[in-house]
Amino acid sequence: EAINAYRSMLPQDLERGPLYHASQIMQTRVIHLNASDSVEHAWHTLCDHAIHQAPVMDDNSRLVGIVSERDLLTALNIDEGRIVYSLDRVVRDVMSTPVVAAVPIT
């Protein structure tokens, strides 16, 4: 009903595809990392799951950041696919904050 109301407010000359709520297209099983995970563990998690970024949760399961391959590459020295040096850093040291998030009804 809300989608139809929104659609009726759009200018008629705009050609748009179907409108969806985030809950209609989002995945509910999300690979995530903990803020206290090592950077090396985070790198292997992204590689193992063939993903380029992951949300970061705190000990209370709250979203506190997001970490990407680029964030991790700045903290790792990688030679021929092997981690040479990671400075013993954890995800909270390299993650991006704040996180822009939306509720499923968006």
PDB file of N, CA and C in Angstrom:
ATOM      1  N   GLU A   1       0.823  -1.186   0.000  1.00  0.00           N
ATOM      2  CA  GLU A   1       0.000   0.000   0.000  1.00  0.00           C
ATOM      3  C   GLU A   1       0.871   1.255   0.000  1.00  0.00           C
ATOM      4  N   ALA A   2       1.900   1.274   0.847  1.00  0.00           N
ATOM      5  CA  ALA A   2       2.798   2.429   0.906  1.00  0.00           C
ATOM      6  C   ALA A   2       3.562   2.589  -0.400  1.00  0.00           C
ATOM      7  N   ILE A   3       3.949   1.477  -0.997  1.00  0.00           N
ATOM      8  CA  ILE A   3       4.678   1.545  -2.263  1.00  0.00           C
ATOM      9  C   ILE A   3       3.793   2.148  -3.344  1.00  0.00           C
ATOM     10  N   ASN A   4       2.532   1.748  -3.393  1.00  0.00           N
ATOM     11  CA  ASN A   4       1.612   2.305  -4.389  1.00  0.00           C
ATOM     12  C   ASN A   4       1.369   3.787  -4.147  1.00  0.00           C
ATOM     13  N   ALA A   5       1.266   4.206  -2.895  1.00  0.00           N
ATOM     14  CA  ALA A   5       1.083   5.625  -2.585  1.00  0.00           C
ATOM     15  C   ALA A   5       2.297   6.424  -3.042  1.00  0.00           C
ATOM     16  N   TYR A   6       3.492   5.908  -2.787  1.00  0.00           N
ATOM     17  CA  TYR A   6       4.711   6.587  -3.221  1.00  0.00           C
ATOM     18  C   TYR A   6       4.762   6.657  -4.742  1.00  0.00           C
ATOM     19  N   ARG A   7       4.443   5.553  -5.392  1.00  0.00           N
ATOM     20  CA  ARG A   7       4.468   5.502  -6.850  1.00  0.00           C
ATOM     21  C   ARG A   7       3.510   6.536  -7.445  1.00  0.00           C
ATOM     22  N   SER A   8       2.347   6.738  -6.822  1.00  0.00           N
ATOM     23  CA  SER A   8       1.371   7.696  -7.355  1.00  0.00           C
ATOM     24  C   SER A   8       1.863   9.135  -7.237  1.00  0.00           C
ATOM     25  N   MET A   9       2.829   9.393  -6.361  1.00  0.00           N
ATOM     26  CA  MET A   9       3.368  10.743  -6.188  1.00  0.00           C
ATOM     27  C   MET A   9       4.485  11.057  -7.180  1.00  0.00           C
ATOM     28  N   LEU A  10       5.031  10.064  -7.860  1.00  0.00           N
ATOM     29  CA  LEU A  10       6.110  10.287  -8.812  1.00  0.00           C
ATOM     30  C   LEU A  10       5.582  10.970 -10.059  1.00  0.00           C
ATOM     31  N   PRO A  11       6.405  11.828 -10.658  1.00  0.00           N
ATOM     32  CA  PRO A  11       5.992  12.423 -11.936  1.00  0.00           C
ATOM     33  C   PRO A  11       5.737  11.321 -12.962  1.00  0.00           C
ATOM     34  N   GLN A  12       4.711  11.505 -13.756  1.00  0.00           N
ATOM     35  CA  GLN A  12       4.303  10.468 -14.702  1.00  0.00           C
ATOM     36  C   GLN A  12       5.299  10.275 -15.843  1.00  0.00           C
ATOM     37  N   ASP A  13       6.131  11.294 -16.132  1.00  0.00           N
ATOM     38  CA  ASP A  13       7.045  11.165 -17.253  1.00  0.00           C
ATOM     39  C   ASP A  13       8.319  10.388 -16.902  1.00  0.00           C
ATOM     40  N   LEU A  14       8.513  10.065 -15.648  1.00  0.00           N
ATOM     41  CA  LEU A  14       9.686   9.286 -15.259  1.00  0.00           C
ATOM     42  C   LEU A  14       9.418   7.804 -15.456  1.00  0.00           C
ATOM     43  N   GLU A  15      10.324   7.147 -16.137  1.00  0.00           N
ATOM     44  CA  GLU A  15      10.197   5.702 -16.269  1.00  0.00           C
ATOM     45  C   GLU A  15      11.045   5.074 -15.184  1.00  0.00           C
ATOM     46  N   ARG A  16      10.416   4.387 -14.305  1.00  0.00           N
ATOM     47  CA  ARG A  16      11.116   3.737 -13.202  1.00  0.00           C
ATOM     48  C   ARG A  16      10.747   2.270 -13.177  1.00  0.00           C
ATOM     49  N   GLY A  17      11.683   1.513 -12.652  1.00  0.00           N
ATOM     50  CA  GLY A  17      11.407   0.099 -12.447  1.00  0.00           C
ATOM     51  C   GLY A  17      10.547  -0.063 -11.210  1.00  0.00           C
ATOM     52  N   PRO A  18      10.322  -1.287 -10.819  1.00  0.00           N
ATOM     53  CA  PRO A  18       9.506  -1.537  -9.627  1.00  0.00           C
ATOM     54  C   PRO A  18      10.182  -0.989  -8.369  1.00  0.00           C
ATOM     55  N   LEU A  19       9.378  -0.570  -7.406  1.00  0.00           N
ATOM     56  CA  LEU A  19       9.883  -0.087  -6.123  1.00  0.00           C
ATOM     57  C   LEU A  19       9.775  -1.207  -5.098  1.00  0.00           C
ATOM     58  N   TYR A  20      10.808  -1.369  -4.298  1.00  0.00           N
ATOM     59  CA  TYR A  20      10.834  -2.420  -3.291  1.00  0.00           C
ATOM     60  C   TYR A  20      11.264  -1.852  -1.949  1.00  0.00           C
ATOM     61  N   HIS A  21      10.810  -2.483  -0.883  1.00  0.00           N
ATOM     62  CA  HIS A  21      11.351  -2.222   0.445  1.00  0.00           C
ATOM     63  C   HIS A  21      12.658  -3.001   0.551  1.00  0.00           C
ATOM     64  N   ALA A  22      13.564  -2.508   1.376  1.00  0.00           N
ATOM     65  CA  ALA A  22      14.837  -3.198   1.577  1.00  0.00           C
ATOM     66  C   ALA A  22      14.610  -4.652   1.994  1.00  0.00           C
ATOM     67  N   SER A  23      13.595  -4.890   2.810  1.00  0.00           N
ATOM     68  CA  SER A  23      13.334  -6.252   3.297  1.00  0.00           C
ATOM     69  C   SER A  23      12.976  -7.219   2.169  1.00  0.00           C
ATOM     70  N   GLN A  24      12.537  -6.687   1.035  1.00  0.00           N
ATOM     71  CA  GLN A  24      12.158  -7.545  -0.083  1.00  0.00           C
ATOM     72  C   GLN A  24      13.363  -8.010  -0.900  1.00  0.00           C
ATOM     73  N   ILE A  25      14.495  -7.326  -0.748  1.00  0.00           N
ATOM     74  CA  ILE A  25      15.660  -7.680  -1.559  1.00  0.00           C
ATOM     75  C   ILE A  25      16.919  -7.971  -0.740  1.00  0.00           C
ATOM     76  N   MET A  26      16.882  -7.705   0.560  1.00  0.00           N
ATOM     77  CA  MET A  26      18.087  -7.894   1.370  1.00  0.00           C
ATOM     78  C   MET A  26      18.306  -9.360   1.724  1.00  0.00           C
ATOM     79  N   GLN A  27      19.556  -9.665   2.050  1.00  0.00           N
ATOM     80  CA  GLN A  27      19.890 -10.989   2.553  1.00  0.00           C
ATOM     81  C   GLN A  27      19.799 -10.952   4.070  1.00  0.00           C
ATOM     82  N   THR A  28      19.313 -12.023   4.653  1.00  0.00           N
ATOM     83  CA  THR A  28      19.190 -12.040   6.112  1.00  0.00           C
ATOM     84  C   THR A  28      20.336 -12.776   6.787  1.00  0.00           C
ATOM     85  N   ARG A  29      21.050 -13.600   6.052  1.00  0.00           N
ATOM     86  CA  ARG A  29      22.223 -14.282   6.608  1.00  0.00           C
ATOM     87  C   ARG A  29      23.452 -13.537   6.113  1.00  0.00           C
ATOM     88  N   VAL A  30      24.004 -12.700   6.962  1.00  0.00           N
ATOM     89  CA  VAL A  30      25.098 -11.823   6.572  1.00  0.00           C
ATOM     90  C   VAL A  30      26.384 -12.260   7.266  1.00  0.00           C
ATOM     91  N   ILE A  31      27.448 -12.386   6.496  1.00  0.00           N
ATOM     92  CA  ILE A  31      28.764 -12.654   7.071  1.00  0.00           C
ATOM     93  C   ILE A  31      29.199 -11.371   7.762  1.00  0.00           C
ATOM     94  N   HIS A  32      29.564 -11.469   9.026  1.00  0.00           N
ATOM     95  CA  HIS A  32      29.999 -10.280   9.756  1.00  0.00           C
ATOM     96  C   HIS A  32      31.276 -10.592  10.521  1.00  0.00           C
ATOM     97  N   LEU A  33      31.913  -9.543  11.002  1.00  0.00           N
ATOM     98  CA  LEU A  33      33.128  -9.656  11.805  1.00  0.00           C
ATOM     99  C   LEU A  33      32.881  -9.010  13.151  1.00  0.00           C
ATOM    100  N   ASN A  34      33.686  -9.386  14.121  1.00  0.00           N
ATOM    101  CA  ASN A  34      33.638  -8.750  15.433  1.00  0.00           C
ATOM    102  C   ASN A  34      34.736  -7.697  15.502  1.00  0.00           C
ATOM    103  N   ALA A  35      34.474  -6.631  16.229  1.00  0.00           N
ATOM    104  CA  ALA A  35      35.443  -5.545  16.346  1.00  0.00           C
ATOM    105  C   ALA A  35      36.772  -6.034  16.910  1.00  0.00           C
ATOM    106  N   SER A  36      36.732  -7.087  17.708  1.00  0.00           N
ATOM    107  CA  SER A  36      37.948  -7.613  18.333  1.00  0.00           C
ATOM    108  C   SER A  36      38.670  -8.664  17.486  1.00  0.00           C
ATOM    109  N   ASP A  37      38.121  -9.019  16.315  1.00  0.00           N
ATOM    110  CA  ASP A  37      38.787  -9.981  15.429  1.00  0.00           C
ATOM    111  C   ASP A  37      40.095  -9.394  14.916  1.00  0.00           C
ATOM    112  N   SER A  38      41.061 -10.254  14.681  1.00  0.00           N
ATOM    113  CA  SER A  38      42.330  -9.785  14.115  1.00  0.00           C
ATOM    114  C   SER A  38      42.120  -9.378  12.658  1.00  0.00           C
ATOM    115  N   VAL A  39      42.955  -8.467  12.201  1.00  0.00           N
ATOM    116  CA  VAL A  39      42.910  -8.043  10.805  1.00  0.00           C
ATOM    117  C   VAL A  39      43.174  -9.244   9.896  1.00  0.00           C
ATOM    118  N   GLU A  40      44.071 -10.107  10.305  1.00  0.00           N
ATOM    119  CA  GLU A  40      44.371 -11.301   9.514  1.00  0.00           C
ATOM    120  C   GLU A  40      43.137 -12.199   9.396  1.00  0.00           C
ATOM    121  N   HIS A  41      42.420 -12.408  10.505  1.00  0.00           N
ATOM    122  CA  HIS A  41      41.188 -13.204  10.469  1.00  0.00           C
ATOM    123  C   HIS A  41      40.165 -12.550   9.536  1.00  0.00           C
ATOM    124  N   ALA A  42      40.043 -11.236   9.614  1.00  0.00           N
ATOM    125  CA  ALA A  42      39.093 -10.519   8.756  1.00  0.00           C
ATOM    126  C   ALA A  42      39.442 -10.721   7.284  1.00  0.00           C
ATOM    127  N   TRP A  43      40.722 -10.629   6.955  1.00  0.00           N
ATOM    128  CA  TRP A  43      41.157 -10.820   5.568  1.00  0.00           C
ATOM    129  C   TRP A  43      40.764 -12.209   5.069  1.00  0.00           C
ATOM    130  N   HIS A  44      41.049 -13.219   5.869  1.00  0.00           N
ATOM    131  CA  HIS A  44      40.717 -14.586   5.465  1.00  0.00           C
ATOM    132  C   HIS A  44      39.203 -14.784   5.344  1.00  0.00           C
ATOM    133  N   THR A  45      38.427 -14.155   6.211  1.00  0.00           N
ATOM    134  CA  THR A  45      36.966 -14.263   6.138  1.00  0.00           C
ATOM    135  C   THR A  45      36.447 -13.679   4.830  1.00  0.00           C
ATOM    136  N   LEU A  46      36.920 -12.490   4.464  1.00  0.00           N
ATOM    137  CA  LEU A  46      36.479 -11.884   3.207  1.00  0.00           C
ATOM    138  C   LEU A  46      36.874 -12.765   2.024  1.00  0.00           C
ATOM    139  N   CYS A  47      38.098 -13.262   2.027  1.00  0.00           N
ATOM    140  CA  CYS A  47      38.562 -14.115   0.921  1.00  0.00           C
ATOM    141  C   CYS A  47      37.783 -15.423   0.854  1.00  0.00           C
ATOM    142  N   ASP A  48      37.588 -16.063   1.996  1.00  0.00           N
ATOM    143  CA  ASP A  48      36.889 -17.355   2.029  1.00  0.00           C
ATOM    144  C   ASP A  48      35.458 -17.261   1.520  1.00  0.00           C
ATOM    145  N   HIS A  49      34.815 -16.114   1.741  1.00  0.00           N
ATOM    146  CA  HIS A  49      33.414 -15.947   1.346  1.00  0.00           C
ATOM    147  C   HIS A  49      33.258 -15.130   0.065  1.00  0.00           C
ATOM    148  N   ALA A  50      34.390 -14.771  -0.557  1.00  0.00           N
ATOM    149  CA  ALA A  50      34.384 -14.000  -1.807  1.00  0.00           C
ATOM    150  C   ALA A  50      33.537 -12.737  -1.692  1.00  0.00           C
ATOM    151  N   ILE A  51      33.752 -11.999  -0.595  1.00  0.00           N
ATOM    152  CA  ILE A  51      33.054 -10.728  -0.388  1.00  0.00           C
ATOM    153  C   ILE A  51      34.101  -9.622  -0.253  1.00  0.00           C
ATOM    154  N   HIS A  52      33.691  -8.393  -0.466  1.00  0.00           N
ATOM    155  CA  HIS A  52      34.625  -7.269  -0.466  1.00  0.00           C
ATOM    156  C   HIS A  52      34.523  -6.394   0.777  1.00  0.00           C
ATOM    157  N   GLN A  53      33.484  -6.597   1.550  1.00  0.00           N
ATOM    158  CA  GLN A  53      33.320  -5.844   2.792  1.00  0.00           C
ATOM    159  C   GLN A  53      32.381  -6.603   3.710  1.00  0.00           C
ATOM    160  N   ALA A  54      32.423  -6.238   4.991  1.00  0.00           N
ATOM    161  CA  ALA A  54      31.559  -6.918   5.962  1.00  0.00           C
ATOM    162  C   ALA A  54      31.227  -5.958   7.095  1.00  0.00           C
ATOM    163  N   PRO A  55      30.016  -6.078   7.644  1.00  0.00           N
ATOM    164  CA  PRO A  55      29.665  -5.276   8.817  1.00  0.00           C
ATOM    165  C   PRO A  55      30.466  -5.754  10.025  1.00  0.00           C
ATOM    166  N   VAL A  56      30.695  -4.835  10.947  1.00  0.00           N
ATOM    167  CA  VAL A  56      31.450  -5.140  12.170  1.00  0.00           C
ATOM    168  C   VAL A  56      30.526  -4.948  13.365  1.00  0.00           C
ATOM    169  N   MET A  57      30.481  -5.969  14.224  1.00  0.00           N
ATOM    170  CA  MET A  57      29.613  -5.955  15.397  1.00  0.00           C
ATOM    171  C   MET A  57      30.456  -5.868  16.666  1.00  0.00           C
ATOM    172  N   ASP A  58      29.869  -5.265  17.719  1.00  0.00           N
ATOM    173  CA  ASP A  58      30.554  -5.252  19.011  1.00  0.00           C
ATOM    174  C   ASP A  58      30.127  -6.469  19.827  1.00  0.00           C
ATOM    175  N   ASP A  59      30.578  -6.536  21.073  1.00  0.00           N
ATOM    176  CA  ASP A  59      30.263  -7.692  21.921  1.00  0.00           C
ATOM    177  C   ASP A  59      28.783  -7.795  22.269  1.00  0.00           C
ATOM    178  N   ASN A  60      28.024  -6.716  22.055  1.00  0.00           N
ATOM    179  CA  ASN A  60      26.583  -6.717  22.325  1.00  0.00           C
ATOM    180  C   ASN A  60      25.766  -6.877  21.041  1.00  0.00           C
ATOM    181  N   SER A  61      26.419  -7.338  19.979  1.00  0.00           N
ATOM    182  CA  SER A  61      25.777  -7.552  18.671  1.00  0.00           C
ATOM    183  C   SER A  61      25.209  -6.276  18.067  1.00  0.00           C
ATOM    184  N   ARG A  62      25.838  -5.143  18.358  1.00  0.00           N
ATOM    185  CA  ARG A  62      25.442  -3.867  17.748  1.00  0.00           C
ATOM    186  C   ARG A  62      26.377  -3.559  16.587  1.00  0.00           C
ATOM    187  N   LEU A  63      25.820  -3.017  15.523  1.00  0.00           N
ATOM    188  CA  LEU A  63      26.608  -2.614  14.367  1.00  0.00           C
ATOM    189  C   LEU A  63      27.461  -1.405  14.743  1.00  0.00           C
ATOM    190  N   VAL A  64      28.781  -1.539  14.622  1.00  0.00           N
ATOM    191  CA  VAL A  64      29.675  -0.447  15.024  1.00  0.00           C
ATOM    192  C   VAL A  64      30.561   0.049  13.889  1.00  0.00           C
ATOM    193  N   GLY A  65      30.576  -0.658  12.770  1.00  0.00           N
ATOM    194  CA  GLY A  65      31.430  -0.235  11.669  1.00  0.00           C
ATOM    195  C   GLY A  65      31.282  -1.156  10.481  1.00  0.00           C
ATOM    196  N   ILE A  66      32.078  -0.866   9.481  1.00  0.00           N
ATOM    197  CA  ILE A  66      32.153  -1.731   8.306  1.00  0.00           C
ATOM    198  C   ILE A  66      33.618  -1.795   7.913  1.00  0.00           C
ATOM    199  N   VAL A  67      34.052  -2.953   7.481  1.00  0.00           N
ATOM    200  CA  VAL A  67      35.443  -3.104   7.070  1.00  0.00           C
ATOM    201  C   VAL A  67      35.469  -3.628   5.640  1.00  0.00           C
ATOM    202  N   SER A  68      36.351  -3.056   4.841  1.00  0.00           N
ATOM    203  CA  SER A  68      36.452  -3.436   3.432  1.00  0.00           C
ATOM    204  C   SER A  68      37.836  -3.999   3.142  1.00  0.00           C
ATOM    205  N   GLU A  69      37.962  -4.583   1.958  1.00  0.00           N
ATOM    206  CA  GLU A  69      39.278  -5.059   1.528  1.00  0.00           C
ATOM    207  C   GLU A  69      40.295  -3.930   1.599  1.00  0.00           C
ATOM    208  N   ARG A  70      39.903  -2.756   1.159  1.00  0.00           N
ATOM    209  CA  ARG A  70      40.823  -1.611   1.151  1.00  0.00           C
ATOM    210  C   ARG A  70      41.280  -1.271   2.563  1.00  0.00           C
ATOM    211  N   ASP A  71      40.341  -1.282   3.521  1.00  0.00           N
ATOM    212  CA  ASP A  71      40.714  -1.018   4.917  1.00  0.00           C
ATOM    213  C   ASP A  71      41.765  -2.016   5.383  1.00  0.00           C
ATOM    214  N   LEU A  72      41.556  -3.281   5.035  1.00  0.00           N
ATOM    215  CA  LEU A  72      42.467  -4.334   5.479  1.00  0.00           C
ATOM    216  C   LEU A  72      43.806  -4.260   4.765  1.00  0.00           C
ATOM    217  N   LEU A  73      43.789  -3.933   3.483  1.00  0.00           N
ATOM    218  CA  LEU A  73      45.042  -3.848   2.736  1.00  0.00           C
ATOM    219  C   LEU A  73      45.951  -2.752   3.273  1.00  0.00           C
ATOM    220  N   THR A  74      45.363  -1.695   3.823  1.00  0.00           N
ATOM    221  CA  THR A  74      46.196  -0.638   4.406  1.00  0.00           C
ATOM    222  C   THR A  74      46.884  -1.107   5.683  1.00  0.00           C
ATOM    223  N   ALA A  75      46.364  -2.159   6.304  1.00  0.00           N
ATOM    224  CA  ALA A  75      46.929  -2.657   7.561  1.00  0.00           C
ATOM    225  C   ALA A  75      47.783  -3.908   7.374  1.00  0.00           C
ATOM    226  N   LEU A  76      47.741  -4.486   6.189  1.00  0.00           N
ATOM    227  CA  LEU A  76      48.457  -5.738   5.941  1.00  0.00           C
ATOM    228  C   LEU A  76      49.557  -5.536   4.911  1.00  0.00           C
ATOM    229  N   ASN A  77      50.602  -6.296   5.035  1.00  0.00           N
ATOM    230  CA  ASN A  77      51.625  -6.366   4.002  1.00  0.00           C
ATOM    231  C   ASN A  77      51.456  -7.729   3.352  1.00  0.00           C
ATOM    232  N   ILE A  78      50.988  -7.747   2.107  1.00  0.00           N
ATOM    233  CA  ILE A  78      50.679  -9.007   1.431  1.00  0.00           C
ATOM    234  C   ILE A  78      51.654  -9.214   0.279  1.00  0.00           C
ATOM    235  N   ASP A  79      52.277 -10.384   0.239  1.00  0.00           N
ATOM    236  CA  ASP A  79      53.217 -10.728  -0.817  1.00  0.00           C
ATOM    237  C   ASP A  79      52.779 -12.046  -1.443  1.00  0.00           C
ATOM    238  N   GLU A  80      52.424 -11.994  -2.724  1.00  0.00           N
ATOM    239  CA  GLU A  80      51.967 -13.178  -3.451  1.00  0.00           C
ATOM    240  C   GLU A  80      50.840 -13.901  -2.722  1.00  0.00           C
ATOM    241  N   GLY A  81      49.886 -13.137  -2.209  1.00  0.00           N
ATOM    242  CA  GLY A  81      48.713 -13.701  -1.558  1.00  0.00           C
ATOM    243  C   GLY A  81      48.919 -14.138  -0.123  1.00  0.00           C
ATOM    244  N   ARG A  82      50.119 -13.994   0.401  1.00  0.00           N
ATOM    245  CA  ARG A  82      50.398 -14.401   1.784  1.00  0.00           C
ATOM    246  C   ARG A  82      50.603 -13.169   2.650  1.00  0.00           C
ATOM    247  N   ILE A  83      50.048 -13.218   3.837  1.00  0.00           N
ATOM    248  CA  ILE A  83      50.198 -12.105   4.771  1.00  0.00           C
ATOM    249  C   ILE A  83      51.586 -12.185   5.388  1.00  0.00           C
ATOM    250  N   VAL A  84      52.364 -11.119   5.203  1.00  0.00           N
ATOM    251  CA  VAL A  84      53.725 -11.087   5.710  1.00  0.00           C
ATOM    252  C   VAL A  84      53.776 -10.405   7.071  1.00  0.00           C
ATOM    253  N   TYR A  85      52.959  -9.363   7.228  1.00  0.00           N
ATOM    254  CA  TYR A  85      53.049  -8.553   8.434  1.00  0.00           C
ATOM    255  C   TYR A  85      51.702  -7.905   8.693  1.00  0.00           C
ATOM    256  N   SER A  86      51.147  -8.061   9.880  1.00  0.00           N
ATOM    257  CA  SER A  86      49.831  -7.485  10.149  1.00  0.00           C
ATOM    258  C   SER A  86      49.805  -6.541  11.342  1.00  0.00           C
ATOM    259  N   LEU A  87      50.931  -6.311  11.968  1.00  0.00           N
ATOM    260  CA  LEU A  87      51.025  -5.392  13.106  1.00  0.00           C
ATOM    261  C   LEU A  87      50.136  -5.793  14.273  1.00  0.00           C
ATOM    262  N   ASP A  88      49.633  -7.028  14.287  1.00  0.00           N
ATOM    263  CA  ASP A  88      48.754  -7.501  15.359  1.00  0.00           C
ATOM    264  C   ASP A  88      47.590  -6.554  15.614  1.00  0.00           C
ATOM    265  N   ARG A  89      47.056  -5.979  14.561  1.00  0.00           N
ATOM    266  CA  ARG A  89      45.939  -5.048  14.692  1.00  0.00           C
ATOM    267  C   ARG A  89      44.626  -5.810  14.679  1.00  0.00           C
ATOM    268  N   VAL A  90      43.590  -5.160  15.222  1.00  0.00           N
ATOM    269  CA  VAL A  90      42.256  -5.747  15.229  1.00  0.00           C
ATOM    270  C   VAL A  90      41.341  -4.910  14.339  1.00  0.00           C
ATOM    271  N   VAL A  91      40.201  -5.476  14.009  1.00  0.00           N
ATOM    272  CA  VAL A  91      39.272  -4.849  13.075  1.00  0.00           C
ATOM    273  C   VAL A  91      38.868  -3.450  13.536  1.00  0.00           C
ATOM    274  N   ARG A  92      38.630  -3.246  14.833  1.00  0.00           N
ATOM    275  CA  ARG A  92      38.200  -1.918  15.301  1.00  0.00           C
ATOM    276  C   ARG A  92      39.224  -0.836  14.963  1.00  0.00           C
ATOM    277  N   ASP A  93      40.504  -1.227  14.780  1.00  0.00           N
ATOM    278  CA  ASP A  93      41.553  -0.261  14.447  1.00  0.00           C
ATOM    279  C   ASP A  93      41.483   0.217  13.002  1.00  0.00           C
ATOM    280  N   VAL A  94      40.864  -0.555  12.124  1.00  0.00           N
ATOM    281  CA  VAL A  94      40.895  -0.227  10.696  1.00  0.00           C
ATOM    282  C   VAL A  94      39.515  -0.068  10.061  1.00  0.00           C
ATOM    283  N   MET A  95      38.446  -0.363  10.790  1.00  0.00           N
ATOM    284  CA  MET A  95      37.093  -0.299  10.216  1.00  0.00           C
ATOM    285  C   MET A  95      36.680   1.148   9.965  1.00  0.00           C
ATOM    286  N   SER A  96      35.708   1.311   9.099  1.00  0.00           N
ATOM    287  CA  SER A  96      35.147   2.625   8.798  1.00  0.00           C
ATOM    288  C   SER A  96      33.924   2.872   9.666  1.00  0.00           C
ATOM    289  N   THR A  97      33.836   4.078  10.193  1.00  0.00           N
ATOM    290  CA  THR A  97      32.683   4.507  10.983  1.00  0.00           C
ATOM    291  C   THR A  97      32.378   5.950  10.622  1.00  0.00           C
ATOM    292  N   PRO A  98      31.217   6.455  10.849  1.00  0.00           N
ATOM    293  CA  PRO A  98      30.013   5.737  11.257  1.00  0.00           C
ATOM    294  C   PRO A  98      29.442   4.963  10.079  1.00  0.00           C
ATOM    295  N   VAL A  99      28.538   4.064  10.380  1.00  0.00           N
ATOM    296  CA  VAL A  99      27.898   3.240   9.357  1.00  0.00           C
ATOM    297  C   VAL A  99      26.548   3.844   9.006  1.00  0.00           C
ATOM    298  N   VAL A 100      26.293   3.962   7.723  1.00  0.00           N
ATOM    299  CA  VAL A 100      24.973   4.389   7.269  1.00  0.00           C
ATOM    300  C   VAL A 100      24.149   3.119   7.109  1.00  0.00           C
ATOM    301  N   ALA A 101      23.058   3.029   7.836  1.00  0.00           N
ATOM    302  CA  ALA A 101      22.221   1.827   7.811  1.00  0.00           C
ATOM    303  C   ALA A 101      20.760   2.226   7.647  1.00  0.00           C
ATOM    304  N   ALA A 102      19.963   1.264   7.263  1.00  0.00           N
ATOM    305  CA  ALA A 102      18.535   1.505   7.075  1.00  0.00           C
ATOM    306  C   ALA A 102      17.747   0.370   7.712  1.00  0.00           C
ATOM    307  N   VAL A 103      16.521   0.661   8.061  1.00  0.00           N
ATOM    308  CA  VAL A 103      15.640  -0.374   8.599  1.00  0.00           C
ATOM    309  C   VAL A 103      15.036  -1.156   7.430  1.00  0.00           C
ATOM    310  N   PRO A 104      14.604  -2.392   7.653  1.00  0.00           N
ATOM    311  CA  PRO A 104      14.091  -3.228   6.553  1.00  0.00           C
ATOM    312  C   PRO A 104      12.911  -2.634   5.791  1.00  0.00           C
ATOM    313  N   ILE A 105      12.143  -1.753   6.389  1.00  0.00           N
ATOM    314  CA  ILE A 105      10.965  -1.194   5.724  1.00  0.00           C
ATOM    315  C   ILE A 105      11.336  -0.030   4.794  1.00  0.00           C
ATOM    316  N   THR A 106      12.603   0.333   4.751  1.00  0.00           N
ATOM    317  CA  THR A 106      13.066   1.438   3.902  1.00  0.00           C
ATOM    318  C   THR A 106      12.820   1.140   2.444  1.00  0.00           C
TER     319      THR A 106
END
